[in-house]
Amino acid sequence: MQRDKRFEQMRVETQSKIEDAALQTFLQNGISDTKMQDIAKAANVSAGVTYRYFSSKDELIKKVLINAGEGLQNANNTLLTGAKSPKSTFMALASHMLSEINDNDDAAKLATLVYQILGSKNGYELAKASGLIAQHTALKDNLAKIFSLGQDSGEFKLGDPYELSCFFISTFQGVAMTKLVLSEQFIMPSLATFTNFIIKEN
């Protein structure tokens, strides 16, 4: 039993190491120029071991997208099980998203890589198969509902809720990408800066 637990732990650790290496290699080399051998080398495992866990590069791309989708699922859960008011629900989500980008470089890299994948061959199909497109659509719709409720209660500025939703998601993507581009020169926007497009001043 103890041996089985050790083996399972090693299996999980190896898979995680390959996934991390794939993320870094995709970002460094680009999707199209990355080969399975590159990922194996970055993970410090043999190509055979890599293929044992993932049968192809597309399978690894799909896994990256699934991981990104889990982050979107968390965002959707925040909106669906939020606090008492639309404003407090939205602010909790916005604060969490900024913290993820600020505290975790991999979160910024993952957000940026998703869009690189979407522009690659079969990228959209892989994103659809992974559930990422559905999660993005759900986030857009759930944000729009929160914005509409906040407008009704007088907490949020007026405007088309779906337009505002798309703007917010695009802004988050821009923050993630700019952090990677500017590196040490990057200044993380404050929560107020990130949300003042919708929050009505008292």
C-alpha atoms as a PDB file:
ATOM      1  CA  MET A   1       0.000   0.000   0.000  1.00  0.00           C
ATOM      2  CA  GLN A   2       2.805   2.411   0.946  1.00  0.00           C
ATOM      3  CA  ARG A   3       4.618   1.516  -2.278  1.00  0.00           C
ATOM      4  CA  ASP A   4       1.472   2.264  -4.308  1.00  0.00           C
ATOM      5  CA  LYS A   5       1.127   5.662  -2.634  1.00  0.00           C
ATOM      6  CA  ARG A   6       4.772   6.476  -3.376  1.00  0.00           C
ATOM      7  CA  PHE A   7       4.337   5.448  -6.999  1.00  0.00           C
ATOM      8  CA  GLU A   8       1.208   7.598  -7.368  1.00  0.00           C
ATOM      9  CA  GLN A   9       2.998  10.567  -5.822  1.00  0.00           C
ATOM     10  CA  MET A  10       5.911  10.150  -8.241  1.00  0.00           C
ATOM     11  CA  ARG A  11       3.480   9.880 -11.154  1.00  0.00           C
ATOM     12  CA  VAL A  12       1.695  13.106 -10.168  1.00  0.00           C
ATOM     13  CA  GLU A  13       4.993  14.928  -9.650  1.00  0.00           C
ATOM     14  CA  THR A  14       6.336  13.816 -13.039  1.00  0.00           C
ATOM     15  CA  GLN A  15       3.157  14.840 -14.839  1.00  0.00           C
ATOM     16  CA  SER A  16       3.204  18.214 -13.106  1.00  0.00           C
ATOM     17  CA  LYS A  17       6.865  18.697 -14.052  1.00  0.00           C
ATOM     18  CA  ILE A  18       6.073  17.980 -17.710  1.00  0.00           C
ATOM     19  CA  GLU A  19       3.118  20.380 -17.675  1.00  0.00           C
ATOM     20  CA  ASP A  20       5.239  23.151 -16.127  1.00  0.00           C
ATOM     21  CA  ALA A  21       7.992  22.541 -18.668  1.00  0.00           C
ATOM     22  CA  ALA A  22       5.452  22.675 -21.504  1.00  0.00           C
ATOM     23  CA  LEU A  23       4.148  26.030 -20.297  1.00  0.00           C
ATOM     24  CA  GLN A  24       7.648  27.507 -20.089  1.00  0.00           C
ATOM     25  CA  THR A  25       8.763  26.027 -23.418  1.00  0.00           C
ATOM     26  CA  PHE A  26       5.658  27.141 -25.285  1.00  0.00           C
ATOM     27  CA  LEU A  27       6.220  30.665 -24.004  1.00  0.00           C
ATOM     28  CA  GLN A  28       9.919  30.666 -24.814  1.00  0.00           C
ATOM     29  CA  ASN A  29       9.830  28.999 -28.243  1.00  0.00           C
ATOM     30  CA  GLY A  30       6.271  29.625 -29.388  1.00  0.00           C
ATOM     31  CA  ILE A  31       3.668  26.943 -29.980  1.00  0.00           C
ATOM     32  CA  SER A  32       4.647  26.004 -33.543  1.00  0.00           C
ATOM     33  CA  ASP A  33       8.412  25.846 -32.854  1.00  0.00           C
ATOM     34  CA  THR A  34       8.133  23.702 -29.737  1.00  0.00           C
ATOM     35  CA  LYS A  35       8.755  19.972 -30.107  1.00  0.00           C
ATOM     36  CA  MET A  36       8.007  17.224 -27.614  1.00  0.00           C
ATOM     37  CA  GLN A  37      11.760  16.680 -27.250  1.00  0.00           C
ATOM     38  CA  ASP A  38      12.138  20.317 -26.156  1.00  0.00           C
ATOM     39  CA  ILE A  39       9.537  19.809 -23.447  1.00  0.00           C
ATOM     40  CA  ALA A  40      11.156  16.564 -22.295  1.00  0.00           C
ATOM     41  CA  LYS A  41      14.533  18.294 -22.048  1.00  0.00           C
ATOM     42  CA  ALA A  42      13.071  21.206 -20.074  1.00  0.00           C
ATOM     43  CA  ALA A  43      11.358  18.748 -17.724  1.00  0.00           C
ATOM     44  CA  ASN A  44      14.594  16.754 -17.354  1.00  0.00           C
ATOM     45  CA  VAL A  45      12.894  13.516 -18.393  1.00  0.00           C
ATOM     46  CA  SER A  46      13.233  11.307 -21.454  1.00  0.00           C
ATOM     47  CA  ALA A  47      11.065  11.772 -24.531  1.00  0.00           C
ATOM     48  CA  GLY A  48       9.641   8.317 -23.857  1.00  0.00           C
ATOM     49  CA  VAL A  49       8.455   9.363 -20.394  1.00  0.00           C
ATOM     50  CA  THR A  50       6.888  12.495 -21.850  1.00  0.00           C
ATOM     51  CA  TYR A  51       4.975  10.448 -24.440  1.00  0.00           C
ATOM     52  CA  ARG A  52       3.847   8.073 -21.707  1.00  0.00           C
ATOM     53  CA  TYR A  53       1.964  10.936 -20.053  1.00  0.00           C
ATOM     54  CA  PHE A  54       0.969  12.917 -23.155  1.00  0.00           C
ATOM     55  CA  SER A  55       0.613  11.236 -26.539  1.00  0.00           C
ATOM     56  CA  SER A  56       1.204  14.418 -28.546  1.00  0.00           C
ATOM     57  CA  LYS A  57       1.949  18.135 -28.356  1.00  0.00           C
ATOM     58  CA  ASP A  58      -1.753  18.794 -28.902  1.00  0.00           C
ATOM     59  CA  GLU A  59      -2.510  16.814 -25.745  1.00  0.00           C
ATOM     60  CA  LEU A  60      -0.139  19.060 -23.794  1.00  0.00           C
ATOM     61  CA  ILE A  61      -1.646  22.191 -25.341  1.00  0.00           C
ATOM     62  CA  LYS A  62      -5.079  20.923 -24.346  1.00  0.00           C
ATOM     63  CA  LYS A  63      -3.856  20.373 -20.782  1.00  0.00           C
ATOM     64  CA  VAL A  64      -2.532  23.943 -20.631  1.00  0.00           C
ATOM     65  CA  LEU A  65      -5.963  25.134 -21.752  1.00  0.00           C
ATOM     66  CA  ILE A  66      -7.714  22.952 -19.173  1.00  0.00           C
ATOM     67  CA  ASN A  67      -5.540  24.518 -16.449  1.00  0.00           C
ATOM     68  CA  ALA A  68      -6.476  27.975 -17.732  1.00  0.00           C
ATOM     69  CA  GLY A  69     -10.131  26.944 -17.736  1.00  0.00           C
ATOM     70  CA  GLU A  70      -9.911  26.021 -14.063  1.00  0.00           C
ATOM     71  CA  GLY A  71      -8.946  29.611 -13.293  1.00  0.00           C
ATOM     72  CA  LEU A  72     -11.975  30.837 -15.227  1.00  0.00           C
ATOM     73  CA  GLN A  73     -14.167  28.340 -13.390  1.00  0.00           C
ATOM     74  CA  ASN A  74     -12.988  29.816 -10.093  1.00  0.00           C
ATOM     75  CA  ALA A  75     -13.863  33.286 -11.382  1.00  0.00           C
ATOM     76  CA  ASN A  76     -17.315  32.082 -12.393  1.00  0.00           C
ATOM     77  CA  ASN A  77     -17.837  30.466  -8.991  1.00  0.00           C
ATOM     78  CA  THR A  78     -16.991  33.792  -7.328  1.00  0.00           C
ATOM     79  CA  LEU A  79     -19.666  35.521  -9.379  1.00  0.00           C
ATOM     80  CA  LEU A  80     -22.273  32.800  -8.881  1.00  0.00           C
ATOM     81  CA  THR A  81     -21.771  32.465  -5.120  1.00  0.00           C
ATOM     82  CA  GLY A  82     -20.802  36.059  -4.453  1.00  0.00           C
ATOM     83  CA  ALA A  83     -21.218  38.421  -1.560  1.00  0.00           C
ATOM     84  CA  LYS A  84     -24.294  40.491  -0.705  1.00  0.00           C
ATOM     85  CA  SER A  85     -24.104  43.187  -3.380  1.00  0.00           C
ATOM     86  CA  PRO A  86     -23.046  43.244  -7.058  1.00  0.00           C
ATOM     87  CA  LYS A  87     -20.286  45.726  -6.172  1.00  0.00           C
ATOM     88  CA  SER A  88     -18.762  43.609  -3.410  1.00  0.00           C
ATOM     89  CA  THR A  89     -18.996  40.481  -5.600  1.00  0.00           C
ATOM     90  CA  PHE A  90     -17.272  42.163  -8.523  1.00  0.00           C
ATOM     91  CA  MET A  91     -14.622  43.811  -6.341  1.00  0.00           C
ATOM     92  CA  ALA A  92     -13.783  40.451  -4.751  1.00  0.00           C
ATOM     93  CA  LEU A  93     -13.304  38.942  -8.220  1.00  0.00           C
ATOM     94  CA  ALA A  94     -11.252  41.880  -9.534  1.00  0.00           C
ATOM     95  CA  SER A  95      -9.036  41.842  -6.439  1.00  0.00           C
ATOM     96  CA  HIS A  96      -8.441  38.106  -6.798  1.00  0.00           C
ATOM     97  CA  MET A  97      -7.573  38.413 -10.500  1.00  0.00           C
ATOM     98  CA  LEU A  98      -5.075  41.210  -9.859  1.00  0.00           C
ATOM     99  CA  SER A  99      -3.494  39.283  -7.003  1.00  0.00           C
ATOM    100  CA  GLU A 100      -3.078  36.209  -9.196  1.00  0.00           C
ATOM    101  CA  ILE A 101      -1.202  38.220 -11.809  1.00  0.00           C
ATOM    102  CA  ASN A 102       0.831  40.165  -9.226  1.00  0.00           C
ATOM    103  CA  ASP A 103       1.834  37.215  -7.057  1.00  0.00           C
ATOM    104  CA  ASN A 104       2.221  34.459  -9.628  1.00  0.00           C
ATOM    105  CA  ASP A 105       4.255  34.907 -12.814  1.00  0.00           C
ATOM    106  CA  ASP A 106       2.873  31.631 -14.168  1.00  0.00           C
ATOM    107  CA  ALA A 107      -0.653  33.070 -14.012  1.00  0.00           C
ATOM    108  CA  ALA A 108       0.412  35.958 -16.252  1.00  0.00           C
ATOM    109  CA  LYS A 109       2.220  33.560 -18.569  1.00  0.00           C
ATOM    110  CA  LEU A 110      -0.772  31.245 -18.771  1.00  0.00           C
ATOM    111  CA  ALA A 111      -3.178  34.069 -19.567  1.00  0.00           C
ATOM    112  CA  THR A 112      -0.871  35.252 -22.348  1.00  0.00           C
ATOM    113  CA  LEU A 113      -0.187  31.766 -23.710  1.00  0.00           C
ATOM    114  CA  VAL A 114      -3.889  31.046 -24.145  1.00  0.00           C
ATOM    115  CA  TYR A 115      -4.128  33.746 -26.802  1.00  0.00           C
ATOM    116  CA  GLN A 116      -1.008  32.470 -28.531  1.00  0.00           C
ATOM    117  CA  ILE A 117      -2.596  29.018 -28.650  1.00  0.00           C
ATOM    118  CA  LEU A 118      -5.832  30.421 -30.082  1.00  0.00           C
ATOM    119  CA  GLY A 119      -3.836  31.896 -32.954  1.00  0.00           C
ATOM    120  CA  SER A 120      -2.072  28.620 -33.722  1.00  0.00           C
ATOM    121  CA  LYS A 121      -3.148  25.784 -36.009  1.00  0.00           C
ATOM    122  CA  ASN A 122      -6.065  23.847 -34.442  1.00  0.00           C
ATOM    123  CA  GLY A 123      -5.837  26.215 -31.447  1.00  0.00           C
ATOM    124  CA  TYR A 124      -9.486  27.200 -31.407  1.00  0.00           C
ATOM    125  CA  GLU A 125     -10.612  23.583 -31.770  1.00  0.00           C
ATOM    126  CA  LEU A 126      -8.363  22.547 -28.869  1.00  0.00           C
ATOM    127  CA  ALA A 127      -9.666  25.435 -26.755  1.00  0.00           C
ATOM    128  CA  LYS A 128     -13.215  24.361 -27.515  1.00  0.00           C
ATOM    129  CA  ALA A 129     -12.493  20.714 -26.694  1.00  0.00           C
ATOM    130  CA  SER A 130     -10.830  21.683 -23.404  1.00  0.00           C
ATOM    131  CA  GLY A 131     -13.908  23.640 -22.289  1.00  0.00           C
ATOM    132  CA  LEU A 132     -12.025  26.954 -22.262  1.00  0.00           C
ATOM    133  CA  ILE A 133     -14.300  28.678 -24.779  1.00  0.00           C
ATOM    134  CA  ALA A 134     -17.355  27.676 -22.757  1.00  0.00           C
ATOM    135  CA  GLN A 135     -15.741  29.021 -19.567  1.00  0.00           C
ATOM    136  CA  HIS A 136     -14.873  32.320 -21.261  1.00  0.00           C
ATOM    137  CA  THR A 137     -18.439  32.642 -22.529  1.00  0.00           C
ATOM    138  CA  ALA A 138     -19.824  31.863 -19.074  1.00  0.00           C
ATOM    139  CA  LEU A 139     -17.539  34.488 -17.491  1.00  0.00           C
ATOM    140  CA  LYS A 140     -18.692  37.101 -20.009  1.00  0.00           C
ATOM    141  CA  ASP A 141     -22.346  36.272 -19.334  1.00  0.00           C
ATOM    142  CA  ASN A 142     -21.966  36.122 -15.538  1.00  0.00           C
ATOM    143  CA  LEU A 143     -20.099  39.434 -15.457  1.00  0.00           C
ATOM    144  CA  ALA A 144     -22.801  41.020 -17.608  1.00  0.00           C
ATOM    145  CA  LYS A 145     -25.458  39.845 -15.132  1.00  0.00           C
ATOM    146  CA  ILE A 146     -23.515  41.315 -12.208  1.00  0.00           C
ATOM    147  CA  PHE A 147     -23.021  44.593 -14.081  1.00  0.00           C
ATOM    148  CA  SER A 148     -26.730  44.753 -14.928  1.00  0.00           C
ATOM    149  CA  LEU A 149     -27.695  44.145 -11.292  1.00  0.00           C
ATOM    150  CA  GLY A 150     -25.206  46.785 -10.154  1.00  0.00           C
ATOM    151  CA  GLN A 151     -26.633  49.276 -12.613  1.00  0.00           C
ATOM    152  CA  ASP A 152     -30.155  48.572 -11.346  1.00  0.00           C
ATOM    153  CA  SER A 153     -29.009  49.144  -7.749  1.00  0.00           C
ATOM    154  CA  GLY A 154     -27.137  52.346  -8.659  1.00  0.00           C
ATOM    155  CA  GLU A 155     -23.692  50.963  -7.738  1.00  0.00           C
ATOM    156  CA  PHE A 156     -22.358  50.767 -11.308  1.00  0.00           C
ATOM    157  CA  LYS A 157     -22.072  53.210 -14.187  1.00  0.00           C
ATOM    158  CA  LEU A 158     -24.487  52.819 -17.075  1.00  0.00           C
ATOM    159  CA  GLY A 159     -23.526  51.120 -20.332  1.00  0.00           C
ATOM    160  CA  ASP A 160     -24.141  47.903 -22.206  1.00  0.00           C
ATOM    161  CA  PRO A 161     -23.382  45.126 -19.664  1.00  0.00           C
ATOM    162  CA  TYR A 162     -21.948  42.799 -22.321  1.00  0.00           C
ATOM    163  CA  GLU A 163     -19.690  45.505 -23.736  1.00  0.00           C
ATOM    164  CA  LEU A 164     -18.438  46.275 -20.226  1.00  0.00           C
ATOM    165  CA  SER A 165     -17.913  42.577 -19.570  1.00  0.00           C
ATOM    166  CA  CYS A 166     -15.795  42.150 -22.701  1.00  0.00           C
ATOM    167  CA  PHE A 167     -13.851  45.303 -21.816  1.00  0.00           C
ATOM    168  CA  PHE A 168     -13.028  43.995 -18.338  1.00  0.00           C
ATOM    169  CA  ILE A 169     -11.843  40.605 -19.615  1.00  0.00           C
ATOM    170  CA  SER A 170      -9.737  42.337 -22.283  1.00  0.00           C
ATOM    171  CA  THR A 171      -8.234  44.662 -19.675  1.00  0.00           C
ATOM    172  CA  PHE A 172      -7.215  41.707 -17.514  1.00  0.00           C
ATOM    173  CA  GLN A 173      -5.565  40.083 -20.519  1.00  0.00           C
ATOM    174  CA  GLY A 174      -3.713  43.323 -21.239  1.00  0.00           C
ATOM    175  CA  VAL A 175      -2.435  43.560 -17.663  1.00  0.00           C
ATOM    176  CA  ALA A 176      -1.091  39.996 -17.848  1.00  0.00           C
ATOM    177  CA  MET A 177       0.660  40.588 -21.165  1.00  0.00           C
ATOM    178  CA  THR A 178       2.096  43.971 -20.163  1.00  0.00           C
ATOM    179  CA  LYS A 179       3.559  42.476 -16.983  1.00  0.00           C
ATOM    180  CA  LEU A 180       5.505  39.969 -19.071  1.00  0.00           C
ATOM    181  CA  VAL A 181       6.629  42.586 -21.604  1.00  0.00           C
ATOM    182  CA  LEU A 182       7.768  45.260 -19.128  1.00  0.00           C
ATOM    183  CA  SER A 183       9.034  42.864 -16.452  1.00  0.00           C
ATOM    184  CA  GLU A 184      10.772  44.892 -13.705  1.00  0.00           C
ATOM    185  CA  GLN A 185       9.449  48.158 -15.123  1.00  0.00           C
ATOM    186  CA  PHE A 186       5.839  47.047 -14.810  1.00  0.00           C
ATOM    187  CA  ILE A 187       3.595  48.821 -12.286  1.00  0.00           C
ATOM    188  CA  MET A 188       0.576  46.785 -11.230  1.00  0.00           C
ATOM    189  CA  PRO A 189      -2.631  48.838 -11.515  1.00  0.00           C
ATOM    190  CA  SER A 190      -4.442  49.455  -8.255  1.00  0.00           C
ATOM    191  CA  LEU A 191      -7.827  47.889  -7.670  1.00  0.00           C
ATOM    192  CA  ALA A 192      -9.401  51.343  -8.096  1.00  0.00           C
ATOM    193  CA  THR A 193      -7.695  51.852 -11.473  1.00  0.00           C
ATOM    194  CA  PHE A 194      -8.705  48.358 -12.584  1.00  0.00           C
ATOM    195  CA  THR A 195     -12.375  48.866 -11.722  1.00  0.00           C
ATOM    196  CA  ASN A 196     -13.152  52.565 -12.146  1.00  0.00           C
ATOM    197  CA  PHE A 197     -14.659  51.964 -15.598  1.00  0.00           C
ATOM    198  CA  ILE A 198     -17.744  50.525 -13.858  1.00  0.00           C
ATOM    199  CA  ILE A 199     -17.781  51.613 -10.206  1.00  0.00           C
ATOM    200  CA  LYS A 200     -19.891  54.719  -9.615  1.00  0.00           C
ATOM    201  CA  GLU A 201     -18.254  57.314  -7.368  1.00  0.00           C
ATOM    202  CA  ASN A 202     -20.125  58.172  -4.173  1.00  0.00           C
END
